[in-house]
């Protein structure tokens, strides 16, 4: 249900941006770092929205990669600790070998 609400909100956002862009078609002066040029306002709006989406996706991708690495590292550390506990016969035999550490019901 959560994914559907994100899709619905995204569609509403795209429709609002499209309507806003279509009613603003007059040419405007755009000041680039290396010069000044003319461009239709619709292209400026759509390009700005596109770049905002790309930047947001890139930042989120970096965050996801970082979290995946951290998860892998913590799982490896958890497995090492479990092996150490098994070697010293300190690991509870009722405990499940999964990474969440919950006890299994018998």
N, C-alpha and C. Protein backbone atom coordinates (compact mmCIF):
# COMPACT_ATOMS: atom_id res chain seq x y z
N UNK A 1 0.82 -1.20 0.00
CA UNK A 1 0.00 0.00 0.00
C UNK A 1 0.87 1.26 0.00
N UNK A 2 2.01 1.17 0.68
CA UNK A 2 2.89 2.33 0.77
C UNK A 2 3.46 2.68 -0.60
N UNK A 3 3.84 1.68 -1.37
CA UNK A 3 4.38 1.90 -2.71
C UNK A 3 3.36 2.55 -3.63
N UNK A 4 2.10 2.14 -3.50
CA UNK A 4 1.04 2.72 -4.33
C UNK A 4 0.85 4.20 -4.02
N UNK A 5 0.93 4.57 -2.76
CA UNK A 5 0.74 5.98 -2.40
C UNK A 5 1.88 6.82 -2.97
N UNK A 6 3.12 6.27 -3.01
CA UNK A 6 4.23 6.99 -3.61
C UNK A 6 4.01 7.17 -5.11
N UNK A 7 3.51 6.16 -5.77
CA UNK A 7 3.25 6.26 -7.21
C UNK A 7 2.16 7.29 -7.48
N UNK A 8 1.10 7.28 -6.70
CA UNK A 8 0.01 8.24 -6.87
C UNK A 8 0.51 9.66 -6.65
N UNK A 9 1.30 9.87 -5.59
CA UNK A 9 1.85 11.20 -5.32
C UNK A 9 2.80 11.64 -6.43
N UNK A 10 3.58 10.72 -6.96
CA UNK A 10 4.50 11.04 -8.06
C UNK A 10 3.72 11.45 -9.31
N UNK A 11 2.64 10.73 -9.61
CA UNK A 11 1.82 11.07 -10.78
C UNK A 11 1.18 12.45 -10.61
N UNK A 12 0.67 12.73 -9.42
CA UNK A 12 0.08 14.05 -9.15
C UNK A 12 1.13 15.14 -9.30
N UNK A 13 2.34 14.89 -8.76
CA UNK A 13 3.43 15.87 -8.88
C UNK A 13 3.80 16.11 -10.34
N UNK A 14 3.89 15.06 -11.13
CA UNK A 14 4.24 15.20 -12.55
C UNK A 14 3.17 15.98 -13.28
N UNK A 15 1.91 15.73 -12.99
CA UNK A 15 0.82 16.46 -13.64
C UNK A 15 0.87 17.94 -13.30
N UNK A 16 1.12 18.25 -12.01
CA UNK A 16 1.20 19.66 -11.60
C UNK A 16 2.37 20.35 -12.28
N UNK A 17 3.52 19.71 -12.33
CA UNK A 17 4.69 20.29 -13.00
C UNK A 17 4.42 20.47 -14.49
N UNK A 18 3.78 19.49 -15.13
CA UNK A 18 3.50 19.59 -16.57
C UNK A 18 2.55 20.76 -16.85
N UNK A 19 1.51 20.89 -16.05
CA UNK A 19 0.56 22.01 -16.25
C UNK A 19 1.27 23.34 -16.04
N UNK A 20 2.07 23.42 -14.97
CA UNK A 20 2.80 24.65 -14.68
C UNK A 20 3.75 25.00 -15.82
N UNK A 21 4.42 24.00 -16.37
CA UNK A 21 5.37 24.24 -17.46
C UNK A 21 4.66 24.66 -18.75
N UNK A 22 3.54 24.02 -19.04
CA UNK A 22 2.83 24.31 -20.30
C UNK A 22 2.27 25.73 -20.31
N UNK A 23 1.85 26.25 -19.17
CA UNK A 23 1.29 27.62 -19.16
C UNK A 23 2.38 28.69 -19.13
N UNK A 24 3.64 28.28 -19.01
CA UNK A 24 4.77 29.22 -19.01
C UNK A 24 5.69 28.90 -20.19
N UNK A 25 5.30 29.39 -21.38
CA UNK A 25 6.05 29.07 -22.60
C UNK A 25 6.83 30.24 -23.15
N UNK A 26 6.70 31.42 -22.59
CA UNK A 26 7.41 32.58 -23.14
C UNK A 26 8.92 32.45 -22.94
N UNK A 27 9.69 33.02 -23.86
CA UNK A 27 11.15 32.93 -23.75
C UNK A 27 11.67 33.79 -22.60
N UNK A 28 12.70 33.30 -21.93
CA UNK A 28 13.32 34.03 -20.83
C UNK A 28 14.83 34.05 -21.05
N UNK A 29 15.47 34.99 -20.38
CA UNK A 29 16.92 35.10 -20.45
C UNK A 29 17.51 34.21 -19.35
N UNK A 30 18.42 33.34 -19.77
CA UNK A 30 19.06 32.41 -18.83
C UNK A 30 20.53 32.80 -18.73
N UNK A 31 21.00 33.00 -17.50
CA UNK A 31 22.38 33.38 -17.27
C UNK A 31 23.17 32.13 -16.89
N UNK A 32 23.98 31.65 -17.84
CA UNK A 32 24.85 30.51 -17.60
C UNK A 32 26.15 31.01 -16.98
N UNK A 33 26.99 30.11 -16.54
CA UNK A 33 28.28 30.52 -16.00
C UNK A 33 29.17 31.15 -17.06
N UNK A 34 29.02 30.71 -18.29
CA UNK A 34 29.90 31.15 -19.37
C UNK A 34 29.23 32.13 -20.32
N UNK A 35 27.99 32.50 -20.09
CA UNK A 35 27.31 33.45 -20.97
C UNK A 35 25.83 33.54 -20.68
N UNK A 36 25.15 34.31 -21.51
CA UNK A 36 23.71 34.54 -21.36
C UNK A 36 23.03 34.05 -22.63
N UNK A 37 21.86 33.41 -22.47
CA UNK A 37 21.13 32.93 -23.63
C UNK A 37 19.64 33.02 -23.42
N UNK A 38 18.89 32.80 -24.47
CA UNK A 38 17.43 32.79 -24.43
C UNK A 38 16.95 31.35 -24.50
N UNK A 39 15.93 31.03 -23.70
CA UNK A 39 15.34 29.69 -23.72
C UNK A 39 13.88 29.80 -23.32
N UNK A 40 13.03 28.94 -23.87
CA UNK A 40 11.64 28.94 -23.43
C UNK A 40 11.55 28.54 -21.95
N UNK A 41 10.68 29.21 -21.22
CA UNK A 41 10.55 28.96 -19.79
C UNK A 41 10.14 27.51 -19.52
N UNK A 42 9.37 26.90 -20.43
CA UNK A 42 8.96 25.51 -20.25
C UNK A 42 10.18 24.58 -20.17
N UNK A 43 11.19 24.85 -21.02
CA UNK A 43 12.41 24.02 -20.99
C UNK A 43 13.20 24.25 -19.71
N UNK A 44 13.25 25.50 -19.26
CA UNK A 44 13.96 25.81 -18.01
C UNK A 44 13.30 25.09 -16.84
N UNK A 45 11.98 25.11 -16.78
CA UNK A 45 11.24 24.45 -15.69
C UNK A 45 11.45 22.95 -15.74
N UNK A 46 11.25 22.35 -16.91
CA UNK A 46 11.40 20.90 -17.03
C UNK A 46 12.82 20.44 -16.76
N UNK A 47 13.81 21.20 -17.24
CA UNK A 47 15.21 20.85 -16.99
C UNK A 47 15.53 20.94 -15.50
N UNK A 48 15.00 21.96 -14.84
CA UNK A 48 15.25 22.12 -13.39
C UNK A 48 14.64 20.97 -12.60
N UNK A 49 13.44 20.57 -12.95
CA UNK A 49 12.79 19.44 -12.26
C UNK A 49 13.57 18.15 -12.52
N UNK A 50 13.99 17.95 -13.77
CA UNK A 50 14.76 16.76 -14.13
C UNK A 50 16.08 16.71 -13.35
N UNK A 51 16.79 17.82 -13.29
CA UNK A 51 18.06 17.86 -12.58
C UNK A 51 17.85 17.64 -11.08
N UNK A 52 16.78 18.19 -10.53
CA UNK A 52 16.47 17.94 -9.12
C UNK A 52 16.24 16.47 -8.85
N UNK A 53 15.53 15.80 -9.75
CA UNK A 53 15.29 14.36 -9.60
C UNK A 53 16.57 13.55 -9.72
N UNK A 54 17.43 13.92 -10.68
CA UNK A 54 18.69 13.20 -10.87
C UNK A 54 19.60 13.37 -9.66
N UNK A 55 19.70 14.58 -9.14
CA UNK A 55 20.54 14.84 -7.97
C UNK A 55 20.01 14.09 -6.76
N UNK A 56 18.71 14.11 -6.55
CA UNK A 56 18.10 13.39 -5.43
C UNK A 56 18.36 11.89 -5.54
N UNK A 57 18.19 11.34 -6.74
CA UNK A 57 18.43 9.91 -6.94
C UNK A 57 19.90 9.55 -6.69
N UNK A 58 20.82 10.41 -7.13
CA UNK A 58 22.24 10.14 -6.92
C UNK A 58 22.59 10.14 -5.44
N UNK A 59 22.07 11.11 -4.70
CA UNK A 59 22.33 11.16 -3.26
C UNK A 59 21.75 9.93 -2.56
N UNK A 60 20.54 9.54 -2.93
CA UNK A 60 19.93 8.36 -2.32
C UNK A 60 20.68 7.09 -2.70
N UNK A 61 21.19 7.01 -3.91
CA UNK A 61 21.97 5.84 -4.33
C UNK A 61 23.24 5.71 -3.50
N UNK A 62 23.91 6.83 -3.27
CA UNK A 62 25.12 6.81 -2.44
C UNK A 62 24.78 6.36 -1.02
N UNK A 63 23.66 6.84 -0.50
CA UNK A 63 23.24 6.45 0.86
C UNK A 63 22.92 4.95 0.92
N UNK A 64 22.25 4.43 -0.10
CA UNK A 64 21.91 3.00 -0.13
C UNK A 64 23.18 2.15 -0.20
N UNK A 65 24.13 2.55 -1.02
CA UNK A 65 25.39 1.80 -1.12
C UNK A 65 26.12 1.80 0.22
N UNK A 66 26.16 2.95 0.88
CA UNK A 66 26.81 3.04 2.19
C UNK A 66 26.13 2.12 3.20
N UNK A 67 24.81 2.12 3.22
CA UNK A 67 24.07 1.28 4.17
C UNK A 67 24.26 -0.21 3.87
N UNK A 68 24.34 -0.58 2.60
CA UNK A 68 24.58 -1.98 2.25
C UNK A 68 25.95 -2.43 2.71
N UNK A 69 26.96 -1.58 2.55
CA UNK A 69 28.30 -1.92 3.03
C UNK A 69 28.32 -2.07 4.55
N UNK A 70 27.65 -1.16 5.23
CA UNK A 70 27.59 -1.23 6.69
C UNK A 70 26.88 -2.49 7.15
N UNK A 71 25.80 -2.85 6.46
CA UNK A 71 25.06 -4.06 6.80
C UNK A 71 25.93 -5.29 6.62
N UNK A 72 26.65 -5.35 5.49
CA UNK A 72 27.54 -6.48 5.24
C UNK A 72 28.62 -6.60 6.32
N UNK A 73 29.18 -5.46 6.70
CA UNK A 73 30.21 -5.45 7.73
C UNK A 73 29.66 -5.92 9.07
N UNK A 74 28.48 -5.46 9.42
CA UNK A 74 27.87 -5.86 10.70
C UNK A 74 27.47 -7.33 10.69
N UNK A 75 27.01 -7.85 9.55
CA UNK A 75 26.68 -9.26 9.47
C UNK A 75 27.93 -10.12 9.62
N UNK A 76 29.04 -9.67 9.01
CA UNK A 76 30.29 -10.40 9.14
C UNK A 76 30.76 -10.40 10.60
N UNK A 77 30.68 -9.25 11.25
CA UNK A 77 31.07 -9.15 12.66
C UNK A 77 30.18 -10.03 13.53
N UNK A 78 28.89 -10.04 13.24
CA UNK A 78 27.94 -10.86 14.00
C UNK A 78 28.27 -12.35 13.84
N UNK A 79 28.59 -12.77 12.63
CA UNK A 79 28.95 -14.17 12.39
C UNK A 79 30.23 -14.55 13.13
N UNK A 80 31.21 -13.64 13.15
CA UNK A 80 32.45 -13.90 13.87
C UNK A 80 32.19 -14.05 15.37
N UNK A 81 31.34 -13.19 15.91
CA UNK A 81 31.01 -13.27 17.33
C UNK A 81 30.27 -14.56 17.66
N UNK A 82 29.38 -14.99 16.77
CA UNK A 82 28.67 -16.25 16.98
C UNK A 82 29.64 -17.43 16.97
N UNK A 83 30.61 -17.40 16.05
CA UNK A 83 31.60 -18.48 15.99
C UNK A 83 32.44 -18.51 17.27
N UNK A 84 32.80 -17.35 17.78
CA UNK A 84 33.56 -17.28 19.03
C UNK A 84 32.75 -17.84 20.19
N UNK A 85 31.47 -17.50 20.23
CA UNK A 85 30.61 -18.03 21.29
C UNK A 85 30.45 -19.54 21.18
N UNK A 86 30.36 -20.04 19.94
CA UNK A 86 30.24 -21.49 19.75
C UNK A 86 31.52 -22.20 20.20
N UNK A 87 32.67 -21.61 19.90
CA UNK A 87 33.94 -22.21 20.29
C UNK A 87 34.06 -22.34 21.81
N UNK A 88 33.48 -21.40 22.53
CA UNK A 88 33.57 -21.41 23.99
C UNK A 88 32.31 -22.00 24.64
N UNK A 89 31.46 -22.60 23.82
CA UNK A 89 30.21 -23.21 24.29
C UNK A 89 29.36 -22.24 25.11
N UNK A 90 29.29 -21.00 24.66
CA UNK A 90 28.49 -19.99 25.33
C UNK A 90 27.23 -19.61 24.55
N UNK A 91 27.09 -20.15 23.36
CA UNK A 91 25.95 -19.83 22.52
C UNK A 91 24.75 -20.66 22.94
N UNK A 92 23.62 -20.01 23.16
CA UNK A 92 22.39 -20.69 23.55
C UNK A 92 21.94 -21.59 22.41
N UNK A 93 21.67 -22.84 22.69
CA UNK A 93 21.29 -23.79 21.64
C UNK A 93 19.88 -23.53 21.13
N UNK A 94 19.05 -22.77 21.86
CA UNK A 94 17.69 -22.46 21.41
C UNK A 94 17.66 -21.27 20.46
N UNK A 95 18.82 -20.65 20.26
CA UNK A 95 18.87 -19.47 19.41
C UNK A 95 18.96 -19.86 17.95
N UNK A 96 18.30 -19.10 17.12
CA UNK A 96 18.31 -19.33 15.68
C UNK A 96 19.61 -18.79 15.10
N UNK A 97 20.10 -19.37 14.00
CA UNK A 97 21.33 -18.91 13.37
C UNK A 97 21.12 -17.69 12.46
N UNK A 98 19.90 -17.17 12.41
CA UNK A 98 19.66 -16.00 11.56
C UNK A 98 20.31 -14.78 12.22
N UNK A 99 20.44 -13.72 11.44
CA UNK A 99 21.15 -12.53 11.90
C UNK A 99 20.33 -11.67 12.85
N UNK A 100 19.01 -11.96 12.98
CA UNK A 100 18.21 -11.11 13.85
C UNK A 100 18.31 -11.51 15.31
N UNK A 101 18.81 -12.68 15.64
CA UNK A 101 19.08 -13.07 17.01
C UNK A 101 17.85 -13.49 17.81
N UNK A 102 16.72 -13.70 17.16
CA UNK A 102 15.52 -14.13 17.89
C UNK A 102 15.58 -15.62 18.15
N UNK A 103 14.96 -16.02 19.25
CA UNK A 103 14.92 -17.45 19.58
C UNK A 103 13.83 -18.13 18.77
N UNK A 104 14.09 -19.37 18.38
CA UNK A 104 13.09 -20.13 17.65
C UNK A 104 12.18 -20.83 18.64
N UNK A 105 10.95 -20.98 18.23
CA UNK A 105 9.99 -21.69 19.09
C UNK A 105 9.98 -23.15 18.75
N UNK A 106 9.92 -23.99 19.78
CA UNK A 106 9.90 -25.43 19.56
C UNK A 106 8.58 -26.04 19.92
